[in-house]
Amino acid sequence: MLAVLLMSCSQLVSQVYMPVLPDIADSLMLSNGQSQAMIISYFITLGAAQLIVGPLRDKYGDRPLFIAGQIILLIGTLLCALAPDNGTFLIGRILQGAGSASPVLISRTLLAQRLSGAKLKSAMATVAISASVTAIIAPLLGGMLSSWFGWQGLSLVLITYYLFITLFGLSLLKTRAPQPIAINPMSLIRHYQNMARCQVFLSLASFKWVPTFLYLTLQLHLPFLLQERFGFTTSQTGQAMMLPMVGLLLGAVFAKVLQRHVSYMKIVLWLWPVLLMSALTFLLASDHALAVLLAYAAIMLVFGGYFPSYMHLIGLLHPTQAGTANALVGAIELLIFSVIAWLVNLWLPDNTQTLSLLVAVCAALLLLSWRTIRIQRPHFEHT
């Protein structure tokens, strides 16, 4: 339960603002690109903070990093709630990103410390399902609360929720003796370089990077597309964006059921054709809002199935340094791919044919990554 709650910390703070991006832009007098940059600033800070939090977590344990992270997260969320201008809101988003690094990494490594084998696979799949449910609820929650209290009122609800998680985590996480792990800057740089040079590591990470890139690109693009092209209101946008998140839940459930019978490598391969279906839908049915949402839902279905696959396989590759490995994956994911997603949105035309091409290219990259892992780590085929 704690792993589920910690995972939701980052999800909520990143997603509840998505449906209200146009409202934020109007309130703070920002362009579409500037309001998107406010959201991306969170992901960039989260990515950078993970590079520090991951090794510190491996050395000092979960409790001290959890406490520090929750304090920073609460301060950042409070600033967003009280923000009178774009500068204060930006500082709040940066602090939210820095504070979210701890719960994100702890949620991904907590289960591996206590479980193994089939129980670990099942638990990770359950966390992925719970994350999918949160992703479904978050856009609706954002749109609904914004219509009641305004977009700044969202942060007050988050503060209450984060206080509960802080108290719950303090009751469960225990202090442990520091581990003999070097965390000086040069040592960390060399260690990260060694990981990043491994083809299998990069291929496994792509199961997280590529779906996240597609998710961020569409999350930033879709609210404006739905409101400007199809005439959706803010509340309708929040409701509509629940549909793609159902795909995330279905993908996680699919992985949960199949992991009992087949390897995660096979799950990755079996879900891959869904990306091609998404690309075709964007290409052939771009004039219908429902078709656009279903195409996005197909991408999220793949995301939902690939997430537990990535978590399990990266743990097999780096069993003793899961925090550091996940930190590097998360840092590259958010520092690089979130920025790319934002830049893509700056020139992305108001047509879904370009989205179709983007999805097709990403599908090709994922298939290449799967083949690389299968060749270099054939035993993963049976795990």
Protein backbone atom coordinates (compact mmCIF):
# COMPACT_ATOMS: atom_id res chain seq x y z
CA MET A 1 0.00 0.00 0.00
CA LEU A 2 2.84 2.38 0.77
CA ALA A 3 4.40 1.72 -2.65
CA VAL A 4 1.07 2.55 -4.29
CA LEU A 5 0.68 5.79 -2.30
CA LEU A 6 4.26 6.89 -3.00
CA MET A 7 3.78 6.26 -6.72
CA SER A 8 0.67 8.43 -6.66
CA CYS A 9 2.57 11.42 -5.22
CA SER A 10 4.35 12.12 -8.48
CA GLN A 11 1.43 11.10 -10.67
CA LEU A 12 -1.06 13.47 -9.11
CA VAL A 13 1.21 16.50 -9.01
CA SER A 14 2.15 15.96 -12.66
CA GLN A 15 -1.29 15.14 -14.07
CA VAL A 16 -3.99 17.12 -12.25
CA TYR A 17 -2.78 20.33 -13.91
CA MET A 18 -2.90 18.88 -17.45
CA PRO A 19 -6.63 19.44 -18.17
CA VAL A 20 -6.42 23.02 -16.87
CA LEU A 21 -3.41 24.12 -18.93
CA PRO A 22 -5.54 26.58 -20.94
CA ASP A 23 -6.91 28.06 -17.69
CA ILE A 24 -3.38 28.47 -16.29
CA ALA A 25 -2.34 30.18 -19.51
CA ASP A 26 -5.25 32.62 -19.29
CA SER A 27 -4.80 33.36 -15.58
CA LEU A 28 -1.06 33.97 -15.77
CA MET A 29 -1.21 35.54 -19.25
CA LEU A 30 1.00 32.90 -20.85
CA SER A 31 1.20 31.54 -24.36
CA ASN A 32 0.40 27.86 -24.93
CA GLY A 33 4.11 27.09 -25.13
CA GLN A 34 4.87 28.99 -21.91
CA SER A 35 2.14 27.22 -19.95
CA GLN A 36 3.45 23.88 -21.23
CA ALA A 37 6.93 24.95 -20.10
CA MET A 38 5.54 25.44 -16.57
CA ILE A 39 4.46 21.80 -16.59
CA ILE A 40 7.69 20.57 -18.14
CA SER A 41 9.73 22.41 -15.48
CA TYR A 42 8.38 19.89 -12.99
CA PHE A 43 9.59 16.94 -15.05
CA ILE A 44 13.03 18.46 -15.64
CA THR A 45 13.56 19.09 -11.93
CA LEU A 46 12.27 15.62 -11.06
CA GLY A 47 14.75 14.08 -13.51
CA ALA A 48 17.73 16.05 -12.19
CA ALA A 49 16.84 15.35 -8.54
CA GLN A 50 16.71 11.60 -9.15
CA LEU A 51 20.40 11.57 -10.07
CA ILE A 52 21.15 12.68 -6.51
CA VAL A 53 18.35 10.94 -4.62
CA GLY A 54 18.96 7.50 -6.15
CA PRO A 55 22.53 7.01 -4.87
CA LEU A 56 21.64 8.63 -1.53
CA ARG A 57 18.77 6.18 -1.15
CA ASP A 58 21.07 3.21 -1.87
CA LYS A 59 23.50 4.48 0.79
CA TYR A 60 21.27 5.80 3.59
CA GLY A 61 17.99 3.95 3.07
CA ASP A 62 14.43 5.07 2.47
CA ARG A 63 13.41 6.94 5.64
CA PRO A 64 15.68 10.03 5.60
CA LEU A 65 15.15 10.56 1.86
CA PHE A 66 11.40 10.12 2.29
CA ILE A 67 11.23 12.77 5.02
CA ALA A 68 13.27 15.32 3.05
CA GLY A 69 11.33 14.67 -0.14
CA GLN A 70 7.90 15.07 1.46
CA ILE A 71 8.88 18.36 3.14
CA ILE A 72 10.08 19.83 -0.18
CA LEU A 73 7.01 18.50 -1.99
CA LEU A 74 4.65 20.08 0.54
CA ILE A 75 6.41 23.46 0.35
CA GLY A 76 6.29 23.44 -3.45
CA THR A 77 2.60 22.51 -3.51
CA LEU A 78 1.82 25.28 -1.03
CA LEU A 79 3.55 27.83 -3.28
CA CYS A 80 1.43 26.67 -6.23
CA ALA A 81 -1.70 27.04 -4.11
CA LEU A 82 -0.79 30.63 -3.18
CA ALA A 83 0.85 31.65 -6.47
CA PRO A 84 -0.15 35.21 -7.45
CA ASP A 85 2.01 35.20 -10.57
CA ASN A 86 3.86 32.92 -12.98
CA GLY A 87 7.19 33.28 -11.13
CA THR A 88 5.81 31.90 -7.87
CA PHE A 89 4.01 29.10 -9.70
CA LEU A 90 7.22 28.19 -11.50
CA ILE A 91 9.18 28.01 -8.22
CA GLY A 92 6.45 25.82 -6.76
CA ARG A 93 6.60 23.45 -9.72
CA ILE A 94 10.39 23.22 -9.43
CA LEU A 95 10.15 22.34 -5.73
CA GLN A 96 7.42 19.82 -6.47
CA GLY A 97 9.74 18.13 -8.96
CA ALA A 98 12.64 18.05 -6.49
CA GLY A 99 10.45 16.67 -3.71
CA SER A 100 8.80 14.02 -5.88
CA ALA A 101 12.11 12.30 -6.65
CA SER A 102 12.15 10.46 -3.31
CA PRO A 103 8.65 8.92 -3.41
CA VAL A 104 9.11 7.97 -7.06
CA LEU A 105 12.35 6.06 -6.47
CA ILE A 106 11.28 4.53 -3.16
CA SER A 107 8.04 3.24 -4.72
CA ARG A 108 10.03 1.48 -7.46
CA THR A 109 12.58 -0.15 -5.13
CA LEU A 110 10.58 -0.80 -1.94
CA LEU A 111 9.01 -4.05 -3.13
CA ALA A 112 12.27 -5.56 -4.37
CA GLN A 113 13.73 -5.26 -0.86
CA ARG A 114 11.04 -7.47 0.64
CA LEU A 115 9.75 -9.74 -2.12
CA SER A 116 11.19 -12.02 -4.79
CA GLY A 117 10.14 -14.36 -7.57
CA ALA A 118 6.46 -14.67 -8.42
CA LYS A 119 5.39 -12.52 -5.45
CA LEU A 120 7.58 -9.65 -6.62
CA LYS A 121 6.27 -9.85 -10.19
CA SER A 122 2.69 -9.91 -8.97
CA ALA A 123 3.24 -6.99 -6.56
CA MET A 124 4.88 -4.84 -9.24
CA ALA A 125 2.00 -5.54 -11.58
CA THR A 126 -0.40 -4.52 -8.82
CA VAL A 127 1.46 -1.24 -8.32
CA ALA A 128 1.23 -0.62 -12.07
CA ILE A 129 -2.54 -1.24 -11.96
CA SER A 130 -2.90 1.19 -9.05
CA ALA A 131 -0.83 3.76 -10.93
CA SER A 132 -3.17 3.32 -13.88
CA VAL A 133 -6.22 3.95 -11.70
CA THR A 134 -4.58 7.13 -10.39
CA ALA A 135 -3.89 8.22 -13.97
CA ILE A 136 -7.55 7.72 -14.83
CA ILE A 137 -8.77 9.70 -11.84
CA ALA A 138 -6.26 12.56 -12.03
CA PRO A 139 -7.55 14.33 -15.20
CA LEU A 140 -11.16 14.11 -13.99
CA LEU A 141 -10.11 15.33 -10.55
CA GLY A 142 -8.19 18.21 -12.09
CA GLY A 143 -11.06 19.33 -14.28
CA MET A 144 -13.67 18.89 -11.54
CA LEU A 145 -11.77 20.66 -8.74
CA SER A 146 -10.75 23.44 -11.10
CA SER A 147 -14.39 24.11 -11.94
CA TRP A 148 -15.16 24.32 -8.21
CA PHE A 149 -12.15 26.10 -6.70
CA GLY A 150 -10.06 27.30 -9.65
CA TRP A 151 -6.79 25.77 -10.77
CA GLN A 152 -4.93 26.99 -7.67
CA GLY A 153 -7.38 25.16 -5.40
CA LEU A 154 -6.06 21.87 -6.79
CA SER A 155 -2.90 22.33 -4.74
CA LEU A 156 -4.79 22.62 -1.44
CA VAL A 157 -6.32 19.18 -2.00
CA LEU A 158 -2.89 17.76 -2.83
CA ILE A 159 -1.40 19.19 0.38
CA THR A 160 -3.95 17.31 2.50
CA TYR A 161 -3.26 14.09 0.63
CA TYR A 162 0.52 14.45 0.92
CA LEU A 163 0.29 15.06 4.67
CA PHE A 164 -1.55 11.76 5.05
CA ILE A 165 1.09 9.90 3.04
CA THR A 166 3.85 11.51 5.10
CA LEU A 167 2.36 10.27 8.37
CA PHE A 168 1.70 6.82 6.93
CA GLY A 169 5.23 6.50 5.54
CA LEU A 170 6.83 7.59 8.81
CA SER A 171 4.98 4.80 10.62
CA LEU A 172 6.38 2.12 8.27
CA LEU A 173 9.80 3.14 7.00
CA LYS A 174 12.65 2.33 9.36
CA THR A 175 16.12 3.81 9.70
CA ARG A 176 19.03 1.58 8.67
CA ALA A 177 22.81 1.84 8.87
CA PRO A 178 24.54 3.54 5.91
CA GLN A 179 25.92 1.22 3.24
CA PRO A 180 29.58 1.36 2.08
CA ILE A 181 28.73 3.00 -1.25
CA ALA A 182 30.82 5.86 -2.62
CA ILE A 183 28.65 8.80 -3.62
CA ASN A 184 31.21 11.49 -4.40
CA PRO A 185 30.54 13.27 -7.71
CA MET A 186 33.32 11.65 -9.75
CA SER A 187 32.43 8.16 -8.54
CA LEU A 188 28.77 8.72 -9.42
CA ILE A 189 29.63 10.08 -12.85
CA ARG A 190 31.80 7.03 -13.62
CA HIS A 191 29.09 4.68 -12.39
CA TYR A 192 26.40 6.38 -14.45
CA GLN A 193 28.68 6.31 -17.48
CA ASN A 194 29.24 2.56 -17.12
CA MET A 195 25.50 1.95 -16.92
CA ALA A 196 24.75 4.20 -19.88
CA ARG A 197 27.30 2.37 -22.06
CA CYS A 198 25.45 -0.94 -21.63
CA GLN A 199 23.27 -1.72 -24.65
CA VAL A 200 20.93 -3.90 -22.62
CA PHE A 201 20.45 -1.13 -20.04
CA LEU A 202 19.59 1.38 -22.76
CA SER A 203 17.24 -1.09 -24.44
CA LEU A 204 15.44 -1.85 -21.18
CA ALA A 205 15.22 1.84 -20.38
CA SER A 206 13.58 2.49 -23.76
CA PHE A 207 10.57 0.48 -22.53
CA LYS A 208 10.11 3.39 -20.12
CA TRP A 209 11.51 6.27 -22.17
CA VAL A 210 9.61 5.85 -25.43
CA PRO A 211 6.10 5.36 -23.96
CA THR A 212 6.74 8.28 -21.59
CA PHE A 213 7.77 10.50 -24.50
CA LEU A 214 4.57 9.65 -26.38
CA TYR A 215 2.51 10.16 -23.22
CA LEU A 216 4.02 13.59 -22.49
CA THR A 217 3.72 14.72 -26.10
CA LEU A 218 0.03 13.87 -26.23
CA GLN A 219 -0.75 15.09 -22.70
CA LEU A 220 0.63 18.50 -23.61
CA HIS A 221 -0.96 18.60 -27.06
CA LEU A 222 -4.38 17.06 -26.45
CA PRO A 223 -6.01 19.68 -24.13
CA PHE A 224 -5.42 22.41 -26.70
CA LEU A 225 -6.49 20.13 -29.58
CA LEU A 226 -9.73 19.15 -27.85
CA GLN A 227 -10.64 22.72 -26.89
CA GLU A 228 -9.52 24.57 -30.01
CA ARG A 229 -10.41 22.03 -32.70
CA PHE A 230 -13.33 20.13 -31.18
CA GLY A 231 -14.76 22.83 -28.88
CA PHE A 232 -14.42 21.01 -25.54
CA THR A 233 -14.77 22.95 -22.28
CA THR A 234 -12.23 22.58 -19.43
CA SER A 235 -14.50 20.16 -17.56
CA GLN A 236 -15.18 18.16 -20.74
CA THR A 237 -11.45 18.01 -21.44
CA GLY A 238 -10.80 16.51 -18.01
CA GLN A 239 -13.53 13.93 -18.57
CA ALA A 240 -12.36 13.12 -22.10
CA MET A 241 -8.78 12.57 -21.00
CA MET A 242 -9.97 9.83 -18.66
CA LEU A 243 -10.59 7.60 -21.68
CA PRO A 244 -6.91 7.26 -22.71
CA MET A 245 -6.02 6.53 -19.08
CA VAL A 246 -8.38 3.53 -19.17
CA GLY A 247 -5.95 2.11 -21.72
CA LEU A 248 -3.19 2.46 -19.13
CA LEU A 249 -5.24 0.40 -16.68
CA LEU A 250 -6.04 -2.28 -19.25
CA GLY A 251 -2.35 -2.61 -20.14
CA ALA A 252 -1.38 -3.01 -16.49
CA VAL A 253 -4.11 -5.62 -15.94
CA PHE A 254 -2.97 -7.42 -19.10
CA ALA A 255 0.58 -7.62 -17.74
CA LYS A 256 -0.68 -8.68 -14.28
CA VAL A 257 -2.60 -11.63 -15.75
CA LEU A 258 -0.01 -12.75 -18.26
CA GLN A 259 3.06 -12.52 -15.99
CA ARG A 260 1.85 -15.68 -14.25
CA HIS A 261 2.19 -17.65 -17.46
CA VAL A 262 4.72 -15.98 -19.76
CA SER A 263 7.84 -13.84 -19.47
CA TYR A 264 7.77 -10.06 -19.47
CA MET A 265 9.75 -10.13 -22.72
CA LYS A 266 6.83 -11.89 -24.40
CA ILE A 267 4.39 -9.42 -22.89
CA VAL A 268 6.41 -6.57 -24.42
CA LEU A 269 6.32 -8.25 -27.84
CA TRP A 270 2.62 -9.09 -27.72
CA LEU A 271 1.66 -5.51 -26.89
CA TRP A 272 3.85 -3.96 -29.58
CA PRO A 273 1.32 -4.25 -32.52
CA VAL A 274 -1.07 -2.00 -30.57
CA LEU A 275 1.26 0.91 -31.35
CA LEU A 276 0.81 0.27 -35.07
CA MET A 277 -2.97 0.28 -34.58
CA SER A 278 -2.65 3.64 -32.85
CA ALA A 279 -0.58 5.09 -35.69
CA LEU A 280 -3.16 3.95 -38.26
CA THR A 281 -6.03 5.43 -36.24
CA PHE A 282 -4.30 8.82 -36.04
CA LEU A 283 -3.72 8.65 -39.80
CA LEU A 284 -7.17 7.54 -40.97
CA ALA A 285 -9.65 8.95 -38.41
CA SER A 286 -8.24 12.33 -37.45
CA ASP A 287 -11.53 14.25 -37.84
CA HIS A 288 -13.23 12.47 -34.94
CA ALA A 289 -12.45 13.35 -31.32
CA LEU A 290 -13.35 9.84 -30.13
CA ALA A 291 -10.97 8.25 -32.63
CA VAL A 292 -8.15 10.55 -31.49
CA LEU A 293 -8.81 9.62 -27.87
CA LEU A 294 -8.91 5.90 -28.71
CA ALA A 295 -5.59 6.16 -30.54
CA TYR A 296 -4.10 7.78 -27.46
CA ALA A 297 -5.71 5.07 -25.30
CA ALA A 298 -3.93 2.42 -27.40
CA ILE A 299 -0.57 4.08 -26.62
CA MET A 300 -1.42 4.16 -22.92
CA LEU A 301 -2.35 0.47 -23.05
CA VAL A 302 1.19 -0.26 -24.20
CA PHE A 303 2.56 2.08 -21.52
CA GLY A 304 0.59 0.21 -18.85
CA GLY A 305 1.98 -3.15 -19.90
CA TYR A 306 5.54 -1.98 -20.42
CA PHE A 307 5.90 -0.27 -17.02
CA PRO A 308 5.89 -3.43 -14.83
CA SER A 309 7.99 -5.15 -17.50
CA TYR A 310 10.63 -2.45 -17.22
CA MET A 311 10.58 -2.47 -13.40
CA HIS A 312 11.08 -6.23 -13.22
CA LEU A 313 13.79 -6.48 -15.88
CA ILE A 314 15.84 -3.50 -14.67
CA GLY A 315 15.84 -5.12 -11.23
CA LEU A 316 17.27 -8.29 -12.74
CA LEU A 317 19.98 -6.33 -14.53
CA HIS A 318 21.04 -4.29 -11.43
CA PRO A 319 19.71 -6.14 -8.36
CA THR A 320 21.97 -4.43 -5.77
CA GLN A 321 21.78 -0.89 -7.13
CA ALA A 322 18.17 -0.59 -8.15
CA GLY A 323 17.91 2.95 -6.80
CA THR A 324 20.83 4.22 -8.87
CA ALA A 325 19.68 2.39 -12.01
CA ASN A 326 16.13 3.73 -11.71
CA ALA A 327 17.52 7.20 -10.98
CA LEU A 328 19.51 7.23 -14.21
CA VAL A 329 16.55 5.98 -16.23
CA GLY A 330 14.27 8.54 -14.61
CA ALA A 331 16.74 11.38 -15.04
CA ILE A 332 17.26 10.76 -18.76
CA GLU A 333 13.55 10.18 -19.21
CA LEU A 334 12.60 13.52 -17.70
CA LEU A 335 15.60 15.70 -18.49
CA ILE A 336 15.78 14.70 -22.14
CA PHE A 337 12.51 13.15 -23.27
CA SER A 338 10.25 15.64 -21.47
CA VAL A 339 12.14 18.52 -23.12
CA ILE A 340 11.92 16.79 -26.50
CA ALA A 341 8.16 16.35 -25.96
CA TRP A 342 7.82 20.06 -25.20
CA LEU A 343 9.90 21.05 -28.23
CA VAL A 344 7.88 18.72 -30.45
CA ASN A 345 4.73 20.47 -29.25
CA LEU A 346 6.14 23.86 -30.23
CA TRP A 347 6.18 22.90 -33.91
CA LEU A 348 3.58 20.11 -33.95
CA PRO A 349 0.93 21.16 -36.49
CA ASP A 350 -2.77 20.89 -35.76
CA ASN A 351 -3.14 17.59 -37.58
CA THR A 352 -2.87 14.02 -36.40
CA GLN A 353 -0.95 12.76 -39.46
CA THR A 354 2.24 13.97 -37.81
CA LEU A 355 1.27 12.12 -34.62
CA SER A 356 0.82 8.98 -36.71
CA LEU A 357 4.37 9.23 -38.04
CA LEU A 358 5.70 9.92 -34.54
CA VAL A 359 4.04 6.80 -33.11
CA ALA A 360 5.30 4.64 -35.98
CA VAL A 361 8.91 5.77 -35.46
CA CYS A 362 8.65 5.07 -31.72
CA ALA A 363 7.24 1.62 -32.43
CA ALA A 364 10.25 0.82 -34.63
CA LEU A 365 12.66 1.91 -31.88
CA LEU A 366 10.93 -0.31 -29.31
CA LEU A 367 11.07 -3.33 -31.58
CA LEU A 368 14.79 -2.77 -32.09
CA SER A 369 15.29 -2.54 -28.32
CA TRP A 370 13.38 -5.78 -27.73
CA ARG A 371 15.56 -7.57 -30.30
CA THR A 372 18.77 -6.25 -28.68
CA ILE A 373 17.76 -7.57 -25.25
CA ARG A 374 16.72 -10.92 -26.67
CA ILE A 375 20.10 -11.37 -28.36
CA GLN A 376 22.32 -10.20 -25.49
CA ARG A 377 20.28 -11.49 -22.52
CA PRO A 378 18.46 -14.58 -23.81
CA HIS A 379 17.72 -15.75 -20.24
CA PHE A 380 15.40 -12.74 -19.83
CA GLU A 381 13.06 -14.60 -22.17
CA HIS A 382 12.26 -16.96 -19.28
CA THR A 383 11.87 -14.43 -16.43
